[in-house]
Amino acid sequence: MERYLTDLRSREVEADFPAPGKGPDVQIVETSGCVLLRGFVKKPHLSPSDFPDQTGLECSANKLRMEAMFPARLVHSCPLLLLTAGLLTARALSVELARLPGRFNVILSYDGESCAVRFHKIRAGQHWLADDLEGYVDEGVLVFEAGQELPMPALLTA
């Protein structure tokens, strides 16, 4: 991922956070213990029974493909546009997830031709990514942590 980010930094790219309603649909809802994009909840294309845990379902259901946001001709002529869109989308998701209790992983993957942003709630014992992000040789993977820290329970003294 560092190679892609260095390439992006070497260019003059002006991008701003999208105005409400102008960027990707990042409306998020909680349902059946999962945190999902509202668009998926309205038209589910996956079954929870197809996944070993909630994290797997969330990562598959909560995938935003950046190339779907632009005409194909533009994507092919300026692939770093996808990385820029991915970074802005990750930021938008982080803002939305900060409104919910708990911590979340926002995952950006980019391979020079396509870019996707996903997210899932961080749960003990459930993982979707490999521990070593550098092990992904066909794509760069960047993970942001977002959301709110849960308050520590007060210790009771007898």
N, C-alpha and C. Protein backbone atom coordinates (compact mmCIF):
# COMPACT_ATOMS: atom_id res chain seq x y z
N MET A 1 0.83 -1.19 0.00
CA MET A 1 0.00 0.00 0.00
C MET A 1 0.87 1.25 0.00
N GLU A 2 2.02 1.19 0.69
CA GLU A 2 2.89 2.36 0.77
C GLU A 2 3.28 2.87 -0.62
N ARG A 3 3.52 1.94 -1.55
CA ARG A 3 3.89 2.32 -2.92
C ARG A 3 2.77 3.13 -3.58
N TYR A 4 1.53 2.69 -3.41
CA TYR A 4 0.40 3.40 -4.00
C TYR A 4 0.21 4.77 -3.35
N LEU A 5 0.36 4.84 -2.04
CA LEU A 5 0.19 6.12 -1.35
C LEU A 5 1.30 7.09 -1.73
N THR A 6 2.52 6.59 -1.90
CA THR A 6 3.63 7.45 -2.32
C THR A 6 3.36 8.00 -3.71
N ASP A 7 2.86 7.17 -4.61
CA ASP A 7 2.52 7.62 -5.96
C ASP A 7 1.43 8.69 -5.90
N LEU A 8 0.43 8.49 -5.06
CA LEU A 8 -0.64 9.47 -4.92
C LEU A 8 -0.12 10.78 -4.36
N ARG A 9 0.76 10.71 -3.36
CA ARG A 9 1.32 11.93 -2.76
C ARG A 9 2.19 12.71 -3.75
N SER A 10 2.77 12.01 -4.73
CA SER A 10 3.67 12.67 -5.67
C SER A 10 2.91 13.49 -6.72
N ARG A 11 1.63 13.36 -6.75
CA ARG A 11 0.81 14.08 -7.73
C ARG A 11 0.00 15.16 -7.03
N GLU A 12 -0.37 16.16 -7.79
CA GLU A 12 -1.23 17.20 -7.22
C GLU A 12 -2.67 16.79 -7.44
N VAL A 13 -3.27 16.26 -6.41
CA VAL A 13 -4.66 15.82 -6.47
C VAL A 13 -5.43 16.63 -5.44
N GLU A 14 -6.41 17.35 -5.93
CA GLU A 14 -7.26 18.10 -5.00
C GLU A 14 -8.56 17.34 -4.85
N ALA A 15 -8.86 17.00 -3.63
CA ALA A 15 -10.10 16.29 -3.34
C ALA A 15 -10.62 16.81 -2.03
N ASP A 16 -11.92 16.82 -1.91
CA ASP A 16 -12.55 17.30 -0.70
C ASP A 16 -13.57 16.29 -0.26
N PHE A 17 -13.90 16.37 1.00
CA PHE A 17 -14.91 15.50 1.58
C PHE A 17 -16.23 15.78 0.88
N PRO A 18 -16.93 14.75 0.37
CA PRO A 18 -18.18 15.00 -0.35
C PRO A 18 -19.25 15.63 0.53
N ALA A 19 -20.05 16.47 -0.09
CA ALA A 19 -21.19 17.06 0.61
C ALA A 19 -22.23 15.96 0.86
N PRO A 20 -23.05 16.11 1.90
CA PRO A 20 -24.07 15.10 2.18
C PRO A 20 -24.94 14.84 0.94
N GLY A 21 -25.15 13.57 0.65
CA GLY A 21 -25.96 13.19 -0.50
C GLY A 21 -25.20 13.15 -1.81
N LYS A 22 -23.94 13.59 -1.83
CA LYS A 22 -23.17 13.62 -3.07
C LYS A 22 -22.13 12.51 -3.15
N GLY A 23 -21.83 11.85 -2.05
CA GLY A 23 -20.84 10.79 -2.04
C GLY A 23 -21.51 9.44 -2.02
N PRO A 24 -20.75 8.40 -1.69
CA PRO A 24 -21.34 7.06 -1.62
C PRO A 24 -22.34 6.96 -0.48
N ASP A 25 -23.24 6.01 -0.58
CA ASP A 25 -24.25 5.79 0.46
C ASP A 25 -23.56 5.17 1.67
N VAL A 26 -23.40 5.96 2.71
CA VAL A 26 -22.76 5.44 3.91
C VAL A 26 -23.72 5.46 5.10
N GLN A 27 -25.01 5.31 4.81
CA GLN A 27 -25.98 5.21 5.89
C GLN A 27 -25.86 3.82 6.49
N ILE A 28 -25.68 3.78 7.80
CA ILE A 28 -25.39 2.53 8.50
C ILE A 28 -26.49 2.23 9.50
N VAL A 29 -26.88 0.96 9.57
CA VAL A 29 -27.91 0.53 10.53
C VAL A 29 -27.41 -0.70 11.28
N GLU A 30 -27.95 -0.88 12.47
CA GLU A 30 -27.66 -2.08 13.26
C GLU A 30 -28.88 -2.99 13.17
N THR A 31 -28.63 -4.26 12.88
CA THR A 31 -29.72 -5.22 12.80
C THR A 31 -29.19 -6.62 13.10
N SER A 32 -29.89 -7.34 13.93
CA SER A 32 -29.54 -8.72 14.30
C SER A 32 -28.09 -8.86 14.73
N GLY A 33 -27.60 -7.89 15.47
CA GLY A 33 -26.23 -7.94 15.98
C GLY A 33 -25.16 -7.55 14.98
N CYS A 34 -25.57 -7.16 13.77
CA CYS A 34 -24.61 -6.74 12.74
C CYS A 34 -24.78 -5.25 12.46
N VAL A 35 -23.70 -4.65 12.00
CA VAL A 35 -23.70 -3.25 11.58
C VAL A 35 -23.53 -3.28 10.06
N LEU A 36 -24.56 -2.81 9.34
CA LEU A 36 -24.60 -2.99 7.88
C LEU A 36 -24.99 -1.70 7.17
N LEU A 37 -24.58 -1.61 5.91
CA LEU A 37 -25.03 -0.51 5.07
C LEU A 37 -26.53 -0.63 4.85
N ARG A 38 -27.20 0.50 4.92
CA ARG A 38 -28.67 0.49 4.75
C ARG A 38 -29.06 -0.11 3.40
N GLY A 39 -28.30 0.15 2.36
CA GLY A 39 -28.61 -0.40 1.04
C GLY A 39 -28.62 -1.92 1.04
N PHE A 40 -27.72 -2.55 1.79
CA PHE A 40 -27.71 -4.01 1.87
C PHE A 40 -28.92 -4.51 2.64
N VAL A 41 -29.28 -3.83 3.72
CA VAL A 41 -30.43 -4.25 4.53
C VAL A 41 -31.71 -4.20 3.70
N LYS A 42 -31.83 -3.18 2.84
CA LYS A 42 -33.03 -3.05 2.00
C LYS A 42 -33.08 -4.12 0.92
N LYS A 43 -31.91 -4.46 0.35
CA LYS A 43 -31.85 -5.46 -0.73
C LYS A 43 -30.71 -6.43 -0.45
N PRO A 44 -30.89 -7.35 0.51
CA PRO A 44 -29.80 -8.28 0.84
C PRO A 44 -29.52 -9.23 -0.32
N HIS A 45 -28.24 -9.45 -0.58
CA HIS A 45 -27.84 -10.38 -1.63
C HIS A 45 -27.00 -11.53 -1.05
N LEU A 46 -26.90 -11.58 0.27
CA LEU A 46 -26.16 -12.63 0.96
C LEU A 46 -27.00 -13.13 2.12
N SER A 47 -26.77 -14.37 2.50
CA SER A 47 -27.48 -14.95 3.64
C SER A 47 -26.52 -15.05 4.82
N PRO A 48 -26.95 -14.64 6.01
CA PRO A 48 -26.08 -14.77 7.19
C PRO A 48 -25.60 -16.20 7.42
N SER A 49 -26.39 -17.19 7.00
CA SER A 49 -25.99 -18.58 7.20
C SER A 49 -24.80 -18.99 6.32
N ASP A 50 -24.45 -18.17 5.33
CA ASP A 50 -23.31 -18.46 4.46
C ASP A 50 -21.97 -18.10 5.10
N PHE A 51 -21.99 -17.51 6.29
CA PHE A 51 -20.77 -17.01 6.91
C PHE A 51 -20.56 -17.63 8.28
N PRO A 52 -19.30 -17.84 8.66
CA PRO A 52 -19.03 -18.46 9.96
C PRO A 52 -19.31 -17.53 11.14
N ASP A 53 -19.30 -16.21 10.88
CA ASP A 53 -19.53 -15.26 11.97
C ASP A 53 -20.03 -13.93 11.41
N GLN A 54 -20.39 -13.02 12.32
CA GLN A 54 -20.92 -11.72 11.94
C GLN A 54 -19.89 -10.88 11.19
N THR A 55 -18.62 -11.00 11.57
CA THR A 55 -17.57 -10.22 10.92
C THR A 55 -17.46 -10.57 9.44
N GLY A 56 -17.53 -11.85 9.12
CA GLY A 56 -17.47 -12.27 7.72
C GLY A 56 -18.64 -11.72 6.91
N LEU A 57 -19.84 -11.77 7.50
CA LEU A 57 -21.01 -11.21 6.83
C LEU A 57 -20.83 -9.72 6.60
N GLU A 58 -20.42 -8.99 7.64
CA GLU A 58 -20.25 -7.55 7.51
C GLU A 58 -19.23 -7.19 6.43
N CYS A 59 -18.10 -7.88 6.39
CA CYS A 59 -17.07 -7.56 5.40
C CYS A 59 -17.55 -7.82 3.98
N SER A 60 -18.37 -8.81 3.79
CA SER A 60 -18.90 -9.11 2.45
C SER A 60 -20.04 -8.17 2.09
N ALA A 61 -20.92 -7.89 3.04
CA ALA A 61 -22.09 -7.05 2.77
C ALA A 61 -21.72 -5.57 2.71
N ASN A 62 -20.72 -5.16 3.48
CA ASN A 62 -20.35 -3.75 3.59
C ASN A 62 -19.19 -3.40 2.67
N LYS A 63 -19.32 -3.76 1.41
CA LYS A 63 -18.26 -3.50 0.43
C LYS A 63 -18.73 -2.43 -0.55
N LEU A 64 -17.96 -1.37 -0.62
CA LEU A 64 -18.23 -0.29 -1.58
C LEU A 64 -17.11 -0.31 -2.63
N ARG A 65 -17.48 -0.57 -3.87
CA ARG A 65 -16.51 -0.61 -4.98
C ARG A 65 -16.40 0.78 -5.58
N MET A 66 -15.21 1.36 -5.52
CA MET A 66 -15.01 2.72 -6.00
C MET A 66 -15.20 2.83 -7.52
N GLU A 67 -14.85 1.79 -8.27
CA GLU A 67 -14.99 1.86 -9.72
C GLU A 67 -16.44 1.96 -10.16
N ALA A 68 -17.38 1.58 -9.29
CA ALA A 68 -18.80 1.71 -9.60
C ALA A 68 -19.27 3.16 -9.53
N MET A 69 -18.43 4.04 -8.97
CA MET A 69 -18.81 5.44 -8.80
C MET A 69 -18.47 6.30 -10.02
N PHE A 70 -17.66 5.77 -10.96
CA PHE A 70 -17.15 6.57 -12.06
C PHE A 70 -17.35 5.85 -13.39
N PRO A 71 -17.39 6.63 -14.50
CA PRO A 71 -17.43 5.99 -15.83
C PRO A 71 -16.15 5.17 -16.05
N ALA A 72 -16.28 4.03 -16.73
CA ALA A 72 -15.15 3.13 -16.96
C ALA A 72 -13.98 3.84 -17.65
N ARG A 73 -14.26 4.71 -18.59
CA ARG A 73 -13.21 5.43 -19.32
C ARG A 73 -12.36 6.26 -18.36
N LEU A 74 -12.98 6.89 -17.41
CA LEU A 74 -12.26 7.70 -16.43
C LEU A 74 -11.44 6.81 -15.50
N VAL A 75 -11.98 5.68 -15.09
CA VAL A 75 -11.28 4.75 -14.21
C VAL A 75 -10.00 4.24 -14.89
N HIS A 76 -10.10 3.89 -16.18
CA HIS A 76 -8.94 3.35 -16.90
C HIS A 76 -7.89 4.41 -17.17
N SER A 77 -8.30 5.66 -17.35
CA SER A 77 -7.32 6.70 -17.65
C SER A 77 -6.69 7.30 -16.39
N CYS A 78 -7.31 7.13 -15.24
CA CYS A 78 -6.79 7.72 -14.00
C CYS A 78 -7.07 6.78 -12.82
N PRO A 79 -6.34 5.66 -12.74
CA PRO A 79 -6.63 4.69 -11.68
C PRO A 79 -6.41 5.23 -10.26
N LEU A 80 -5.53 6.23 -10.09
CA LEU A 80 -5.35 6.78 -8.75
C LEU A 80 -6.59 7.52 -8.25
N LEU A 81 -7.49 7.83 -9.17
CA LEU A 81 -8.77 8.42 -8.77
C LEU A 81 -9.51 7.47 -7.84
N LEU A 82 -9.37 6.16 -8.10
CA LEU A 82 -10.03 5.16 -7.25
C LEU A 82 -9.45 5.17 -5.85
N LEU A 83 -8.14 5.28 -5.73
CA LEU A 83 -7.51 5.33 -4.41
C LEU A 83 -7.95 6.58 -3.66
N THR A 84 -8.01 7.71 -4.35
CA THR A 84 -8.47 8.96 -3.73
C THR A 84 -9.92 8.80 -3.25
N ALA A 85 -10.76 8.23 -4.11
CA ALA A 85 -12.16 8.00 -3.72
C ALA A 85 -12.25 7.05 -2.54
N GLY A 86 -11.39 6.04 -2.52
CA GLY A 86 -11.38 5.09 -1.41
C GLY A 86 -11.01 5.74 -0.10
N LEU A 87 -10.00 6.61 -0.14
CA LEU A 87 -9.60 7.31 1.09
C LEU A 87 -10.71 8.23 1.59
N LEU A 88 -11.37 8.93 0.67
CA LEU A 88 -12.49 9.80 1.07
C LEU A 88 -13.67 8.98 1.60
N THR A 89 -13.92 7.85 0.99
CA THR A 89 -15.01 6.99 1.46
C THR A 89 -14.70 6.41 2.83
N ALA A 90 -13.45 6.00 3.04
CA ALA A 90 -13.04 5.49 4.35
C ALA A 90 -13.25 6.57 5.41
N ARG A 91 -12.94 7.80 5.06
CA ARG A 91 -13.16 8.91 6.00
C ARG A 91 -14.65 9.08 6.29
N ALA A 92 -15.48 9.03 5.26
CA ALA A 92 -16.92 9.19 5.45
C ALA A 92 -17.47 8.06 6.33
N LEU A 93 -17.02 6.84 6.10
CA LEU A 93 -17.45 5.72 6.94
C LEU A 93 -17.02 5.92 8.38
N SER A 94 -15.80 6.38 8.58
CA SER A 94 -15.30 6.61 9.94
C SER A 94 -16.17 7.61 10.68
N VAL A 95 -16.61 8.66 9.99
CA VAL A 95 -17.48 9.66 10.61
C VAL A 95 -18.81 9.03 11.01
N GLU A 96 -19.40 8.23 10.12
CA GLU A 96 -20.67 7.57 10.44
C GLU A 96 -20.51 6.57 11.58
N LEU A 97 -19.43 5.79 11.55
CA LEU A 97 -19.23 4.77 12.58
C LEU A 97 -18.95 5.38 13.95
N ALA A 98 -18.42 6.59 13.99
CA ALA A 98 -18.14 7.26 15.26
C ALA A 98 -19.43 7.55 16.03
N ARG A 99 -20.55 7.48 15.36
CA ARG A 99 -21.85 7.73 16.02
C ARG A 99 -22.37 6.50 16.74
N LEU A 100 -21.73 5.36 16.50
CA LEU A 100 -22.18 4.10 17.09
C LEU A 100 -21.25 3.67 18.22
N PRO A 101 -21.77 2.93 19.18
CA PRO A 101 -20.88 2.41 20.22
C PRO A 101 -20.01 1.29 19.65
N GLY A 102 -18.81 1.17 20.18
CA GLY A 102 -17.90 0.12 19.76
C GLY A 102 -16.85 0.61 18.79
N ARG A 103 -15.93 -0.29 18.47
CA ARG A 103 -14.83 0.01 17.56
C ARG A 103 -15.04 -0.79 16.26
N PHE A 104 -14.54 -0.22 15.17
CA PHE A 104 -14.73 -0.80 13.85
C PHE A 104 -13.42 -0.76 13.07
N ASN A 105 -13.24 -1.71 12.17
CA ASN A 105 -12.17 -1.66 11.19
C ASN A 105 -12.77 -1.18 9.88
N VAL A 106 -12.16 -0.17 9.30
CA VAL A 106 -12.50 0.29 7.95
C VAL A 106 -11.32 -0.16 7.09
N ILE A 107 -11.59 -0.97 6.09
CA ILE A 107 -10.55 -1.62 5.31
C ILE A 107 -10.59 -1.10 3.88
N LEU A 108 -9.46 -0.57 3.42
CA LEU A 108 -9.33 -0.11 2.05
C LEU A 108 -8.37 -1.05 1.33
N SER A 109 -8.77 -1.57 0.18
CA SER A 109 -7.88 -2.40 -0.63
C SER A 109 -7.81 -1.80 -2.03
N TYR A 110 -6.59 -1.79 -2.59
CA TYR A 110 -6.33 -1.16 -3.89
C TYR A 110 -5.26 -1.96 -4.60
N ASP A 111 -5.51 -2.28 -5.88
CA ASP A 111 -4.52 -3.06 -6.63
C ASP A 111 -4.02 -2.35 -7.89
N GLY A 112 -4.27 -1.06 -8.02
CA GLY A 112 -3.85 -0.31 -9.20
C GLY A 112 -4.93 -0.23 -10.26
N GLU A 113 -5.94 -1.10 -10.17
CA GLU A 113 -7.02 -1.11 -11.15
C GLU A 113 -8.40 -1.05 -10.51
N SER A 114 -8.49 -1.43 -9.25
CA SER A 114 -9.76 -1.40 -8.55
C SER A 114 -9.51 -1.06 -7.08
N CYS A 115 -10.55 -0.57 -6.44
CA CYS A 115 -10.44 -0.17 -5.04
C CYS A 115 -11.77 -0.49 -4.35
N ALA A 116 -11.67 -1.04 -3.15
CA ALA A 116 -12.88 -1.33 -2.37
C ALA A 116 -12.67 -0.86 -0.94
N VAL A 117 -13.74 -0.44 -0.33
CA VAL A 117 -13.74 -0.06 1.08
C VAL A 117 -14.81 -0.90 1.75
N ARG A 118 -14.43 -1.52 2.87
CA ARG A 118 -15.33 -2.37 3.65
C ARG A 118 -15.22 -1.95 5.11
N PHE A 119 -16.14 -2.45 5.92
CA PHE A 119 -15.99 -2.24 7.36
C PHE A 119 -16.66 -3.37 8.12
N HIS A 120 -16.20 -3.54 9.36
CA HIS A 120 -16.83 -4.50 10.27
C HIS A 120 -16.59 -4.05 11.70
N LYS A 121 -17.47 -4.48 12.56
CA LYS A 121 -17.32 -4.23 13.99
C LYS A 121 -16.21 -5.13 14.51
N ILE A 122 -15.37 -4.60 15.38
CA ILE A 122 -14.29 -5.40 15.97
C ILE A 122 -14.89 -6.24 17.09
N ARG A 123 -14.76 -7.56 16.95
CA ARG A 123 -15.29 -8.50 17.93
C ARG A 123 -14.19 -9.46 18.36
N ALA A 124 -14.16 -9.78 19.63
CA ALA A 124 -13.17 -10.74 20.14
C ALA A 124 -13.34 -12.08 19.44
N GLY A 125 -12.24 -12.66 18.99
CA GLY A 125 -12.27 -13.98 18.38
C GLY A 125 -12.73 -14.03 16.94
N GLN A 126 -13.07 -12.89 16.34
CA GLN A 126 -13.51 -12.86 14.94
C GLN A 126 -12.56 -11.98 14.15
N HIS A 127 -11.99 -12.55 13.09
CA HIS A 127 -11.06 -11.79 12.25
C HIS A 127 -11.39 -12.06 10.79
N TRP A 128 -11.16 -11.07 9.96
CA TRP A 128 -11.41 -11.23 8.54
C TRP A 128 -10.11 -11.11 7.74
N LEU A 129 -9.20 -10.29 8.20
CA LEU A 129 -7.93 -10.08 7.51
C LEU A 129 -6.83 -10.94 8.10
N ALA A 130 -5.81 -11.16 7.30
CA ALA A 130 -4.60 -11.82 7.81
C ALA A 130 -3.91 -10.88 8.79
N ASP A 131 -3.18 -11.42 9.75
CA ASP A 131 -2.46 -10.60 10.71
C ASP A 131 -1.40 -9.72 10.05
N ASP A 132 -0.76 -10.24 9.01
CA ASP A 132 0.30 -9.51 8.31
C ASP A 132 -0.27 -8.91 7.02
N LEU A 133 -0.57 -7.61 7.04
CA LEU A 133 -1.14 -6.95 5.87
C LEU A 133 -0.17 -6.92 4.70
N GLU A 134 1.14 -6.98 4.97
CA GLU A 134 2.13 -6.99 3.90
C GLU A 134 2.10 -8.31 3.14
N GLY A 135 1.45 -9.31 3.67
CA GLY A 135 1.33 -10.60 3.00
C GLY A 135 0.39 -10.58 1.80
N TYR A 136 -0.41 -9.55 1.67
CA TYR A 136 -1.30 -9.43 0.52
C TYR A 136 -0.45 -8.91 -0.65
N VAL A 137 -0.04 -9.81 -1.54
CA VAL A 137 0.90 -9.43 -2.60
C VAL A 137 0.20 -8.86 -3.83
N ASP A 138 -1.05 -9.16 -4.05
CA ASP A 138 -1.75 -8.69 -5.24
C ASP A 138 -2.45 -7.35 -5.04
N GLU A 139 -2.46 -6.86 -3.81
CA GLU A 139 -3.13 -5.59 -3.52
C GLU A 139 -2.53 -4.97 -2.27
N GLY A 140 -2.70 -3.66 -2.16
CA GLY A 140 -2.34 -2.98 -0.93
C GLY A 140 -3.55 -2.91 -0.03
N VAL A 141 -3.35 -3.11 1.25
CA VAL A 141 -4.45 -3.10 2.22
C VAL A 141 -4.10 -2.12 3.32
N LEU A 142 -5.04 -1.24 3.62
CA LEU A 142 -4.88 -0.25 4.66
C LEU A 142 -6.08 -0.38 5.60
N VAL A 143 -5.83 -0.39 6.90
CA VAL A 143 -6.91 -0.55 7.87
C VAL A 143 -6.92 0.66 8.81
N PHE A 144 -8.09 1.25 8.93
CA PHE A 144 -8.32 2.36 9.87
C PHE A 144 -9.20 1.83 10.98
N GLU A 145 -8.94 2.26 12.19
CA GLU A 145 -9.83 1.92 13.28
C GLU A 145 -10.72 3.14 13.53
N ALA A 146 -12.01 2.90 13.70
CA ALA A 146 -12.97 3.99 13.87
C ALA A 146 -13.98 3.61 14.94
N GLY A 147 -14.73 4.60 15.38
CA GLY A 147 -15.80 4.36 16.34
C GLY A 147 -15.47 4.90 17.71
N GLN A 148 -16.28 4.49 18.65
CA GLN A 148 -16.15 4.98 20.02
C GLN A 148 -15.62 3.87 20.91
N GLU A 149 -14.83 4.27 21.87
CA GLU A 149 -14.40 3.32 22.90
C GLU A 149 -15.59 3.07 23.81
N LEU A 150 -15.77 1.84 24.19
CA LEU A 150 -16.83 1.54 25.16
C LEU A 150 -16.32 1.89 26.54
N PRO A 151 -17.16 2.46 27.39
CA PRO A 151 -16.71 2.79 28.74
C PRO A 151 -16.36 1.53 29.52
N MET A 152 -15.32 1.63 30.32
CA MET A 152 -14.92 0.50 31.16
C MET A 152 -15.95 0.34 32.27
N PRO A 153 -16.37 -0.87 32.56
CA PRO A 153 -17.35 -1.07 33.64
C PRO A 153 -16.72 -0.71 34.99
N ALA A 154 -17.51 -0.13 35.82
CA ALA A 154 -17.02 0.23 37.15
C ALA A 154 -16.80 -1.04 37.97
N LEU A 155 -15.70 -1.07 38.68
CA LEU A 155 -15.41 -2.22 39.53
C LEU A 155 -16.20 -2.10 40.82
N LEU A 156 -16.84 -3.16 41.19
CA LEU A 156 -17.61 -3.16 42.43
C LEU A 156 -16.71 -3.60 43.56
N THR A 157 -16.77 -2.91 44.64
CA THR A 157 -16.00 -3.31 45.83
C THR A 157 -16.95 -3.74 46.92
N ALA A 158 -16.58 -4.76 47.61
CA ALA A 158 -17.46 -5.27 48.67
C ALA A 158 -17.05 -4.71 50.00
